[in-house]
Protein backbone atom coordinates (compact mmCIF):
# COMPACT_ATOMS: atom_id res chain seq x y z
CA MET A 1 91.43 103.62 81.95
CA GLU A 2 90.64 100.51 83.95
CA SER A 3 88.21 101.16 86.80
CA LYS A 4 89.14 100.55 90.39
CA VAL A 5 86.70 98.34 92.30
CA PHE A 6 86.88 97.47 95.99
CA ILE A 7 84.53 94.78 97.27
CA LEU A 8 83.91 94.36 100.99
CA ASP A 9 83.21 90.76 101.92
CA GLN A 10 83.29 88.38 104.85
CA THR A 11 84.26 84.75 105.05
CA THR A 12 85.68 82.30 107.57
CA ILE A 13 89.30 81.47 108.17
CA LYS A 14 88.64 77.92 107.03
CA LYS A 15 87.11 78.98 103.73
CA LEU A 16 89.87 81.51 103.14
CA LEU A 17 92.57 78.86 103.58
CA THR A 18 90.84 75.99 101.79
CA ILE A 19 88.64 77.49 99.05
CA PHE A 20 90.30 80.73 97.99
CA LYS A 21 93.17 80.27 95.55
CA LEU A 22 95.68 82.40 97.43
CA VAL A 23 98.91 83.33 95.71
CA ILE A 24 101.81 83.36 98.16
CA PRO A 25 105.10 83.52 96.22
CA ASP A 26 108.28 81.80 97.35
CA PHE A 27 109.93 85.05 98.41
CA GLN A 28 107.14 85.94 100.78
CA ARG A 29 107.34 82.54 102.44
CA ASN A 30 110.87 83.47 103.52
CA PHE A 31 109.51 86.27 105.69
CA VAL A 32 107.62 84.70 108.57
CA TRP A 33 106.74 86.09 111.98
CA LYS A 34 108.76 84.98 114.94
CA LYS A 35 106.97 82.62 117.35
CA LYS A 36 106.08 85.35 119.83
CA LYS A 37 104.14 87.36 117.25
CA LYS A 38 102.32 84.23 116.11
CA GLU A 39 101.31 83.47 119.69
CA GLN A 40 99.99 87.02 120.10
CA LEU A 41 97.82 86.67 116.99
CA LEU A 42 96.37 83.36 118.17
CA ALA A 43 95.75 84.75 121.67
CA SER A 44 93.66 87.52 120.11
CA LEU A 45 91.66 85.02 118.08
CA PHE A 46 91.05 82.70 121.05
CA ARG A 47 89.64 85.67 122.96
CA GLY A 48 87.32 86.51 120.07
CA PHE A 49 89.09 89.72 119.07
CA PRO A 50 89.11 90.73 115.38
CA ILE A 51 92.49 90.64 113.65
CA GLY A 52 91.80 93.13 110.89
CA ALA A 53 90.70 92.76 107.30
CA ILE A 54 92.70 90.82 104.73
CA THR A 55 93.21 92.72 101.48
CA LEU A 56 93.41 90.67 98.28
CA TYR A 57 93.93 91.53 94.63
CA GLN A 58 91.72 89.37 92.40
CA ASP A 59 93.20 88.37 89.06
CA LYS A 60 90.79 85.98 87.34
CA ASN A 61 90.43 83.12 89.84
CA ALA A 62 93.59 83.84 91.82
CA TYR A 63 93.86 86.12 94.86
CA TYR A 64 97.16 87.91 95.49
CA ILE A 65 97.72 88.83 99.10
CA ILE A 66 98.16 92.59 99.40
CA ASP A 67 97.82 92.96 103.17
CA GLY A 68 97.61 90.13 105.68
CA LEU A 69 100.33 87.76 104.50
CA GLN A 70 101.80 87.12 107.94
CA ARG A 71 98.38 86.57 109.50
CA ILE A 72 97.51 84.08 106.76
CA ASN A 73 100.88 82.34 107.07
CA THR A 74 100.48 82.05 110.83
CA LEU A 75 96.94 80.68 110.59
CA ASN A 76 97.95 78.24 107.88
CA GLN A 77 100.89 77.00 109.95
CA TYR A 78 98.88 76.70 113.17
CA LEU A 79 95.89 74.92 111.64
CA ALA A 80 98.18 72.42 109.89
CA ARG A 81 100.95 72.00 112.51
CA PRO A 82 99.72 73.49 115.79
CA GLY A 83 102.69 72.06 117.68
CA THR A 84 105.10 74.39 115.86
CA ILE A 85 103.50 77.37 117.62
CA ILE A 86 101.85 76.04 120.79
CA SER A 87 103.81 73.41 122.66
CA PHE A 88 102.22 70.08 123.46
CA GLU A 89 102.45 70.75 127.21
CA ALA A 90 100.58 74.05 126.85
CA PHE A 91 97.97 72.35 124.67
CA PHE A 92 97.55 69.37 127.00
CA LYS A 93 97.26 71.62 130.05
CA LYS A 94 94.13 73.18 128.54
CA ALA A 95 92.64 69.81 127.63
CA GLU A 96 93.50 67.84 130.79
CA PRO A 97 90.55 68.81 133.03
CA GLU A 98 87.99 67.84 130.37
CA LEU A 99 89.89 64.65 129.56
CA ARG A 100 89.71 63.56 133.22
CA GLU A 101 85.97 64.32 133.33
CA TYR A 102 85.48 62.34 130.11
CA MET A 103 87.37 59.33 131.45
CA ILE A 104 85.29 59.31 134.62
CA LYS A 105 82.03 59.81 132.72
CA LYS A 106 82.80 56.94 130.31
CA GLN A 107 84.34 54.80 133.06
CA LEU A 108 87.50 54.30 131.07
CA ASP A 109 89.90 51.94 132.83
CA ILE A 110 93.13 53.62 131.80
CA GLU A 111 95.71 55.89 133.35
CA LEU A 112 95.98 59.42 131.96
CA PRO A 113 99.80 59.30 131.39
CA LEU A 114 99.35 56.39 128.98
CA LEU A 115 96.66 58.23 127.05
CA LYS A 116 98.76 61.40 127.13
CA LYS A 117 101.60 59.61 125.35
CA SER A 118 99.39 58.68 122.40
CA ILE A 119 97.84 62.16 122.29
CA ARG A 120 101.38 63.62 122.15
CA THR A 121 102.24 61.37 119.18
CA TRP A 122 99.09 62.50 117.39
CA TYR A 123 99.64 66.22 118.16
CA ASP A 124 103.31 66.31 117.24
CA ASN A 125 102.73 64.55 113.91
CA LEU A 126 99.89 66.71 112.62
CA ASN A 127 101.13 68.05 109.30
CA ASN A 128 98.20 68.97 107.05
CA LEU A 129 95.61 71.72 107.12
CA TYR A 130 92.72 70.79 109.45
CA GLU A 131 94.10 67.28 109.89
CA PHE A 132 93.30 67.59 113.61
CA GLU A 133 89.59 67.28 112.71
CA LYS A 134 89.97 63.85 111.11
CA VAL A 135 88.77 60.94 113.28
CA SER A 136 90.62 58.44 111.10
CA VAL A 137 94.01 60.03 111.86
CA PHE A 138 93.44 60.02 115.63
CA TYR A 139 91.96 56.52 115.54
CA SER A 140 95.04 55.26 113.69
CA VAL A 141 97.40 56.66 116.35
CA LEU A 142 95.41 55.12 119.22
CA ASN A 143 95.37 51.72 117.52
CA LYS A 144 99.11 51.74 116.82
CA GLY A 145 100.03 52.50 120.40
CA ASN A 146 99.53 50.50 123.55
CA ALA A 147 97.50 47.29 123.11
CA LYS A 148 95.23 48.23 125.99
CA LEU A 149 94.49 51.59 124.36
CA ALA A 150 93.80 49.87 121.06
CA ARG A 151 91.20 47.57 122.65
CA LEU A 152 89.61 50.36 124.65
CA PHE A 153 89.28 52.73 121.72
CA SER A 154 88.10 50.22 119.14
CA ASP A 155 84.74 51.94 119.75
CA LEU A 156 84.67 54.88 117.30
CA GLU A 157 82.12 56.70 119.41
CA LEU A 158 84.64 56.92 122.26
CA VAL A 159 87.32 58.12 119.83
CA GLU A 160 85.02 60.83 118.47
CA GLY A 161 84.16 62.03 121.99
CA LEU A 162 87.84 62.21 122.92
CA LEU A 163 88.73 63.99 119.68
CA ASP A 164 85.97 66.57 120.23
CA ILE A 165 87.74 67.64 123.43
CA LEU A 166 91.13 67.89 121.72
CA LYS A 167 89.71 69.71 118.69
CA SER A 168 88.10 72.32 120.90
CA LYS A 169 91.53 73.25 122.24
CA ILE A 170 92.93 73.76 118.74
CA GLU A 171 90.13 75.15 116.62
CA ILE A 172 89.40 78.85 116.33
CA VAL A 173 85.76 79.26 117.30
CA HIS A 174 85.37 82.90 116.28
CA ASP A 175 86.79 82.53 112.79
CA ASP A 176 84.89 85.16 110.82
CA ILE A 177 87.28 87.40 108.91
CA ALA A 178 86.71 90.52 106.81
CA LEU A 179 88.01 90.77 103.24
CA ILE A 180 88.75 93.74 101.02
CA ILE A 181 88.99 92.49 97.45
CA TYR A 182 90.56 94.85 94.90
CA LYS A 183 89.80 94.57 91.20
CA GLY A 184 91.65 96.94 88.90
CA SER A 185 94.99 97.61 87.27
CA LYS A 186 98.01 95.87 88.76
CA GLU A 187 99.94 99.11 88.22
CA ASP A 188 98.05 100.59 91.18
CA LEU A 189 99.13 97.82 93.56
CA PRO A 190 102.34 99.40 94.95
CA GLU A 191 100.55 102.62 95.87
CA LEU A 192 97.58 100.65 97.23
CA PHE A 193 99.87 98.50 99.36
CA LYS A 194 101.80 101.49 100.68
CA ASN A 195 98.56 103.21 101.71
CA ILE A 196 96.79 100.29 103.42
CA ASN A 197 99.54 98.01 104.73
CA THR A 198 99.39 97.73 108.50
CA GLY A 199 102.71 95.97 109.09
CA SER A 200 106.03 97.50 110.06
CA VAL A 201 108.26 95.47 107.78
CA ALA A 202 111.07 97.42 106.15
CA LEU A 203 110.53 95.54 102.90
CA SER A 204 106.81 96.19 102.50
CA GLN A 205 107.19 97.84 99.08
CA TYR A 206 109.36 94.95 97.91
CA GLU A 207 106.93 92.33 99.19
CA ILE A 208 103.95 93.59 97.25
CA LEU A 209 105.88 94.04 94.02
CA GLN A 210 107.55 90.67 94.32
CA SER A 211 104.22 89.06 95.15
CA VAL A 212 102.95 89.79 91.63
CA TRP A 213 106.15 89.99 89.53
CA ASN A 214 108.71 87.40 90.54
CA ASP A 215 110.71 86.63 87.40
CA TYR A 216 112.80 89.80 87.03
CA ILE A 217 116.24 88.36 87.73
CA LEU A 218 119.53 90.29 87.67
CA ASP A 219 123.15 89.19 87.43
CA SER A 220 124.33 90.02 90.95
CA SER A 221 127.98 89.89 89.89
CA LEU A 222 127.34 93.11 87.95
CA ILE A 223 125.53 94.87 90.82
CA GLN A 224 127.52 94.16 93.95
CA ASP A 225 126.78 97.33 95.97
CA THR A 226 123.01 97.00 96.15
CA ARG A 227 123.29 93.25 96.69
CA GLU A 228 125.33 93.87 99.83
CA ALA A 229 122.96 96.63 100.93
CA PHE A 230 119.98 94.29 100.52
CA GLY A 231 121.78 91.81 102.78
CA ARG A 232 122.07 94.46 105.48
CA GLU A 233 118.39 95.30 105.11
CA LEU A 234 117.56 91.66 105.80
CA GLU A 235 119.45 91.85 109.09
CA LEU A 236 117.13 94.58 110.31
CA ILE A 237 114.03 92.41 110.25
CA GLN A 238 115.50 89.24 111.74
CA ASN A 239 114.28 90.21 115.20
CA GLU A 240 110.68 89.85 114.07
CA TYR A 241 110.95 87.51 111.08
CA GLU A 242 112.41 84.13 110.38
CA ILE A 243 114.34 84.29 107.11
CA ASP A 244 115.47 81.52 104.81
CA ALA A 245 118.89 83.12 104.28
CA ILE A 246 120.22 80.41 101.98
CA LYS A 247 117.29 80.78 99.63
CA GLU A 248 117.62 84.55 99.72
CA ALA A 249 121.27 84.29 98.68
CA GLY A 250 120.33 82.16 95.69
CA THR A 251 118.78 84.77 93.40
CA PHE A 252 118.95 88.52 92.99
CA ASP A 253 116.29 90.49 91.18
CA ILE A 254 115.25 94.02 90.29
CA PHE A 255 113.19 94.52 93.44
CA LYS A 256 115.96 93.38 95.78
CA ASN A 257 118.19 95.78 93.88
CA ILE A 258 115.84 98.71 94.50
CA VAL A 259 115.43 97.75 98.16
CA GLY A 260 119.23 97.70 98.40
CA LEU A 261 119.45 101.11 96.73
CA ASN A 262 116.80 102.42 99.13
CA HIS A 263 118.95 101.15 102.00
CA MET A 264 122.03 102.89 100.60
CA ILE A 265 120.15 106.18 100.35
CA CYS A 266 119.00 105.87 103.95
CA CYS A 267 122.62 105.22 104.99
CA GLU A 268 123.59 108.70 103.72
CA GLU A 269 123.33 110.81 106.86
CA GLU A 270 123.11 114.08 104.94
CA CYS A 271 120.33 112.89 102.64
CA SER A 272 117.85 114.59 104.99
CA VAL A 273 119.00 117.84 103.36
CA LEU A 274 117.18 116.61 100.25
CA PHE A 275 114.51 114.61 102.07
CA PRO A 276 113.63 116.66 105.18
CA GLY A 277 110.62 114.46 105.86
CA PHE A 278 112.71 111.36 106.51
CA LYS A 279 112.28 109.91 110.00
CA ARG A 280 115.64 109.56 111.73
CA GLU A 281 116.08 106.15 113.41
CA PRO A 282 119.81 105.21 113.38
CA LYS A 283 120.52 101.48 113.13
CA PRO A 284 124.23 100.55 113.23
CA PHE A 285 125.83 97.44 111.68
CA GLU A 286 128.96 95.58 112.76
CA SER A 287 130.69 96.81 109.60
CA GLY A 288 130.43 100.37 110.92
CA ILE A 289 127.74 101.35 108.42
CA VAL A 290 124.69 103.08 109.88
CA LYS A 291 121.21 103.23 108.39
CA TYR A 292 120.10 106.64 109.60
CA TYR A 293 116.56 106.89 108.26
CA ASP A 294 113.41 104.78 108.24
CA ASN A 295 112.01 104.81 104.72
CA ASP A 296 111.12 101.91 102.43
CA SER A 297 109.88 103.51 99.22
CA ILE A 298 111.91 106.48 97.99
CA ALA A 299 114.15 104.43 95.66
CA PHE A 300 111.07 102.94 93.98
CA GLU A 301 109.75 106.45 93.37
CA ILE A 302 113.10 107.67 92.03
CA TYR A 303 113.29 104.72 89.61
CA SER A 304 109.73 105.35 88.44
CA THR A 305 110.44 109.07 88.00
CA LEU A 306 113.51 108.45 85.84
CA LEU A 307 112.08 105.65 83.72
CA CYS A 308 108.45 106.79 83.36
CA ASN A 309 108.62 110.50 84.27
CA ALA A 310 106.16 109.91 87.11
CA PRO A 311 106.84 108.66 90.67
CA ASN A 312 103.88 106.28 90.86
CA GLN A 313 104.48 104.10 87.80
CA ILE A 314 107.10 101.65 89.12
CA VAL A 315 105.30 98.62 87.70
CA LYS A 316 105.16 100.13 84.23
CA ALA A 317 108.81 101.19 84.54
CA ILE A 318 110.06 97.71 85.41
CA ASP A 319 107.85 96.04 82.83
CA GLN A 320 109.45 98.28 80.20
CA VAL A 321 112.95 97.31 81.29
CA TYR A 322 112.16 93.61 81.07
CA LYS A 323 110.72 93.78 77.58
CA GLN A 324 114.27 92.83 76.64
CA GLU A 325 115.50 89.35 77.52
CA ASP A 326 119.24 90.01 77.76
CA SER A 327 119.89 89.60 81.50
CA ALA A 328 123.45 90.93 81.32
CA LYS A 329 122.38 94.03 79.39
CA ILE A 330 119.54 94.68 81.82
CA SER A 331 121.90 94.23 84.77
CA ARG A 332 124.44 96.70 83.37
CA PHE A 333 121.66 99.19 82.68
CA ILE A 334 120.32 98.88 86.23
CA ASN A 335 123.83 99.25 87.66
CA GLN A 336 124.26 102.48 85.67
CA ILE A 337 120.93 103.79 86.92
CA ASN A 338 121.99 103.04 90.50
CA GLN A 339 125.24 104.94 90.07
CA VAL A 340 123.55 107.91 88.39
CA ILE A 341 121.01 108.17 91.23
CA LEU A 342 123.64 108.05 93.97
CA GLU A 343 125.82 110.57 92.12
CA ALA A 344 122.85 112.95 91.74
CA LEU A 345 121.93 112.50 95.40
CA HIS A 346 125.41 113.54 96.53
CA GLN A 347 125.44 116.48 94.11
CA ALA A 348 121.99 117.67 95.24
CA VAL A 349 122.98 117.53 98.90
CA GLN A 350 126.18 119.49 98.31
CA GLU A 351 124.42 122.12 96.17
CA LEU A 352 121.64 122.62 98.71
CA LYS A 353 124.16 122.94 101.52
CA ARG A 354 126.27 125.40 99.52
CA ARG A 355 123.21 127.53 98.76
CA ASN A 356 121.86 127.13 102.29
CA ALA A 357 118.54 126.34 100.64
CA GLY A 358 115.88 124.61 102.69
CA LEU A 359 113.47 122.40 100.80
CA LEU A 360 109.76 122.22 101.34
CA GLU A 361 108.83 119.06 103.20
CA SER A 362 107.62 117.43 100.00
CA LYS A 363 109.16 114.33 98.49
CA TYR A 364 107.97 115.56 95.09
CA HIS A 365 110.20 118.62 95.43
CA ALA A 366 113.16 116.34 96.14
CA LEU A 367 112.27 114.06 93.21
CA TYR A 368 112.07 117.07 90.89
CA ILE A 369 115.53 118.25 91.92
CA LEU A 370 117.08 114.79 91.53
CA ALA A 371 115.44 114.30 88.14
CA GLY A 372 116.58 117.75 87.02
CA ILE A 373 120.19 117.06 87.92
CA ILE A 374 120.10 113.72 86.11
CA PHE A 375 118.25 115.01 83.04
CA SER A 376 120.77 117.85 82.75
CA LYS A 377 123.66 115.38 82.32
CA TYR A 378 122.30 112.05 81.11
CA ASP A 379 120.08 110.58 78.42
CA ILE A 380 118.25 107.51 79.73
CA HIS A 381 116.61 105.29 77.11
CA VAL A 382 114.62 102.35 78.49
CA GLU A 383 113.87 101.05 74.99
CA THR A 384 117.56 100.46 74.29
CA LEU A 385 118.69 100.07 77.92
CA THR A 386 121.29 102.79 77.59
CA VAL A 387 122.49 105.56 79.89
CA THR A 388 124.58 108.16 78.04
CA GLN A 389 126.40 111.09 79.62
CA THR A 390 125.83 114.34 77.71
CA GLU A 391 127.12 117.87 77.81
CA GLU A 392 125.52 119.54 80.83
CA ASN A 393 122.29 121.38 80.08
CA LYS A 394 122.84 124.44 82.29
CA LYS A 395 119.27 125.68 81.87
CA ILE A 396 117.74 122.47 83.23
CA TYR A 397 120.30 122.31 86.02
CA SER A 398 119.66 125.93 87.02
CA ILE A 399 115.85 125.68 86.97
CA SER A 400 115.73 122.42 88.90
CA LEU A 401 117.91 123.87 91.70
CA ASP A 402 116.36 127.35 91.84
CA ILE A 403 114.77 126.67 95.22
CA GLU A 404 113.96 130.30 95.97
CA GLN A 405 112.04 130.61 92.71
CA HIS A 406 110.20 127.39 93.49
CA LYS A 407 109.13 128.88 96.82
CA ARG A 408 108.08 132.20 95.29
CA ASP A 409 105.93 130.36 92.76
CA LYS A 410 104.55 128.16 95.58
CA TRP A 411 105.63 124.94 93.93
CA PHE A 412 104.72 121.71 95.74
CA VAL A 413 102.35 123.61 98.05
CA GLY A 414 98.55 123.33 98.16
CA GLU A 415 97.19 122.08 94.85
CA LYS A 416 100.71 122.04 93.45
CA ARG A 417 101.65 119.46 96.08
CA GLN A 418 99.91 116.77 94.03
CA VAL A 419 101.72 114.27 91.86
CA GLY A 420 100.14 115.74 88.72
CA PHE A 421 102.07 118.99 89.21
CA LEU A 422 105.35 117.07 89.48
CA ASN A 423 104.57 115.13 86.32
CA ILE A 424 103.99 118.32 84.36
CA GLN A 425 107.22 119.90 85.63
CA LEU A 426 109.12 116.76 84.65
CA GLU A 427 107.61 116.99 81.17
CA ASN A 428 108.75 120.62 80.99
CA LEU A 429 112.32 119.61 81.90
CA LEU A 430 112.33 116.94 79.21
CA GLY A 431 110.84 119.42 76.76
CA MET A 432 113.73 121.82 77.46
CA LYS A 433 116.16 118.97 76.95
CA SER A 434 114.54 118.07 73.64
CA ASP A 435 114.47 121.73 72.50
CA SER A 436 118.16 122.05 73.28
CA SER A 437 118.90 118.88 71.32
CA HIS A 438 116.90 120.11 68.30
CA ASN A 439 118.67 123.47 68.32
CA LYS A 440 122.09 121.88 68.66
CA ASN A 441 121.53 119.40 65.85
CA ASN A 442 119.67 121.96 63.70
CA THR A 443 117.47 119.24 62.27
CA ALA A 444 113.77 119.04 61.51
CA SER A 445 113.87 115.29 61.22
CA GLN A 446 113.06 114.86 64.93
CA PRO A 447 109.45 115.98 65.55
CA ALA A 448 108.58 117.93 68.69
CA GLY A 449 106.66 116.17 71.42
CA LEU A 450 103.40 118.15 71.00
CA ARG A 451 102.05 118.59 67.47
CA ILE A 452 98.67 119.51 66.03
CA LYS A 453 97.37 120.69 62.66
CA ILE A 454 95.25 123.86 62.63
CA GLU A 455 93.85 125.26 59.38
CA ASN A 456 96.48 123.24 57.42
CA GLN A 457 99.29 124.64 59.58
CA ILE A 458 101.29 122.39 61.90
CA ILE A 459 102.03 123.86 65.31
CA ALA A 460 104.58 122.01 67.42
CA ALA A 461 106.55 122.39 70.66
CA ASN A 462 108.16 120.26 73.32
CA THR A 463 106.55 121.80 76.41
CA VAL A 464 102.93 122.52 77.20
CA LYS A 465 103.76 126.19 77.82
CA GLY A 466 105.55 126.51 74.51
CA PHE A 467 102.76 124.65 72.72
CA TYR A 468 99.97 126.77 74.17
CA THR A 469 101.93 129.99 73.55
CA LYS A 470 102.20 129.17 69.84
CA ILE A 471 98.58 128.00 69.60
CA PHE A 472 97.07 131.09 71.21
CA GLN A 473 99.39 133.52 69.43
CA TYR A 474 98.16 132.00 66.16
CA LEU A 475 94.52 132.17 67.27
CA ASP A 476 94.89 135.72 68.57
CA ASP A 477 96.33 136.81 65.23
CA GLN A 478 93.80 135.00 63.03
CA PHE A 479 90.51 135.06 64.96
CA ASP A 480 88.41 137.19 67.29
CA LEU A 481 88.20 135.06 70.46
CA LYS A 482 86.09 137.40 72.61
CA ASP A 483 82.95 135.27 72.12
CA TYR A 484 84.85 132.10 73.02
CA VAL A 485 86.48 133.20 76.27
CA PRO A 486 86.20 131.96 78.94
CA TYR A 487 86.26 128.30 77.94
CA ALA A 488 85.87 125.53 80.53
CA THR A 489 87.34 122.02 80.34
CA GLY A 490 85.24 120.77 83.25
CA LYS A 491 83.05 121.88 86.12
CA LYS A 492 85.91 123.57 87.99
CA ARG A 493 88.59 124.56 85.49
CA TYR A 494 89.04 126.95 82.60
CA LEU A 495 91.44 126.48 79.72
CA VAL A 496 91.36 130.19 78.87
CA ASN A 497 89.88 133.17 80.75
CA HIS A 498 90.07 136.95 81.01
CA THR A 499 91.64 136.58 84.48
CA MET A 500 93.91 133.99 86.10
CA HIS A 501 91.01 132.33 87.93
CA HIS A 502 89.18 129.05 87.46
CA ILE A 503 85.41 128.58 87.75
CA ASN A 504 85.66 127.79 91.48
CA GLY A 505 87.83 130.85 92.15
CA ASP A 506 91.15 129.02 92.39
CA MET A 507 94.16 130.66 90.75
CA PHE A 508 95.66 129.20 87.60
CA LEU A 509 98.59 127.00 88.58
CA ALA A 510 100.80 127.60 85.54
CA PRO A 511 99.38 130.56 83.61
CA ILE A 512 100.67 132.24 80.47
CA ARG A 513 99.32 135.43 78.94
CA VAL A 514 98.71 135.89 75.24
CA GLY A 515 97.11 139.19 74.24
CA ASP A 516 94.17 139.88 76.57
CA TYR A 517 93.78 136.27 77.73
CA TYR A 518 95.25 133.96 80.37
CA ILE A 519 95.76 130.29 79.54
CA GLU A 520 96.19 127.48 82.09
CA THR A 521 99.14 125.26 81.11
CA HIS A 522 99.06 123.00 84.17
CA LYS A 523 98.33 119.88 82.12
CA SER A 524 99.89 116.66 80.96
CA ARG A 525 100.86 116.48 77.31
CA SER A 526 97.93 114.25 76.44
CA GLY A 527 95.59 116.56 78.35
CA ALA A 528 97.02 119.61 76.59
CA LEU A 529 96.41 118.08 73.16
CA ARG A 530 92.90 116.94 74.05
CA ASP A 531 91.85 120.30 75.49
CA VAL A 532 93.19 122.40 72.62
CA TYR A 533 91.60 120.05 70.08
CA ASN A 534 88.21 120.41 71.81
CA TYR A 535 88.65 124.19 71.96
CA MET A 536 89.33 124.36 68.23
CA LYS A 537 86.19 122.35 67.55
CA HIS A 538 84.25 124.65 69.89
CA ILE A 539 85.22 127.80 67.97
CA GLY A 540 84.78 126.16 64.56
CA VAL A 541 88.43 125.92 63.50
CA ASP A 542 89.63 122.98 61.40
CA VAL A 543 91.91 120.86 63.54
CA GLU A 544 93.58 117.45 63.24
CA TYR A 545 95.68 115.28 65.48
CA ILE A 546 99.09 114.35 64.04
CA GLU A 547 100.45 110.87 64.74
């Protein structure tokens, strides 16, 4: 596993903009603060107030902007073209008193309006980063203007003195800025961005993903619904952001699709039955459609759950989809996924209303229910980009919607509120699906998901519970385990114990009982294999992994 490293650093705005190789993709350049917000940022800087740390992801010599894009864009624009944010009149008003003093001190025989005209030409034509510091640029403007000005300012020392006054009204004196530099796996970026981003942009999740992966194009003619929904989402941020609408209409990609799907989910007024934690903030459109809820990430988590069986692996999920290069096939697959998700959402809402079942305020509970409904009716294969409807698996459907049982077992509460618990329950659902398929086809040609060789005997199952039940039934029959129980897998947790308690006193989260012993099955498949292998070695039993 790649380690996560955060480095705290400090630099200056000038070094950040001129030395760091910042990666600002085309899409992000389309989302720019309105003038008022830019002015507010500059006002804070001019008063010496900090503007918050900039968070960057370092990939070799490039730095991807994770948090701080709009601040960087604003600073870059202002320090290259100050007139686009601060009008010339506002700028000149600040400089005028010192200009008059300078003219008197140097006994310059010239009227201020004439000088002002040349200064306006210089200010309005600044177009490159820190160009306002260059004496040669200002000197050139003065010498191309009025002949009297040209003669008067042939003395470079006078030009430098005049420019020092003008520069002082543009430059940011207190330009120290804090940096948080992240080094680690790019798969952690979406979660990192969601946790640290300080902005209020509806498309925050999209921005970070698109900032690192910007070549995942879709055929929009095959995915019309989410394309239209993405267009509505853009309308919501026009009050604070300038958007290059023509450029946005030019391409459609996987991330815009998921943002559009997210928008469609939030336009379902009754979706709060499934997502009780959603914040209600109705925003109507001229078409009559209303976006009822403020959420910008649930569709990303649903996609990740369906394609990777975990809600926090969206990068891995999308990378898997785009291993194929057939854009039309990818687009049809994505369109099918969209339809399956919306169908399951409607079905979940209706079932929960019919049962009058209130969910825990946990998005993982909602994701489990959605995944269960979908797994009970569809086979989704990312490798082949296929979505196939199957005969309904009533067991999966029933378990995933047994809300009262979930509450009795304290699912998605306390320690079980963590993402690891959801991942294990998703694996169990898929294990049930695989078991059902094996039984129906009555074939041994498809190996179970968990397999290990003990004393020349292969033990296999599709769920961790099933796997551990078979393992410990075999051990209980063949060996005396009393000297090898309890057995710890770490400083806090037991694999097997005489009671349902871990070392630290916590209860087992998913216990089974075999003979006189309790076994903790709250594990991922890889963790289950690793722990049982180590236990076999501990008690001196021959054991082998099976590929």
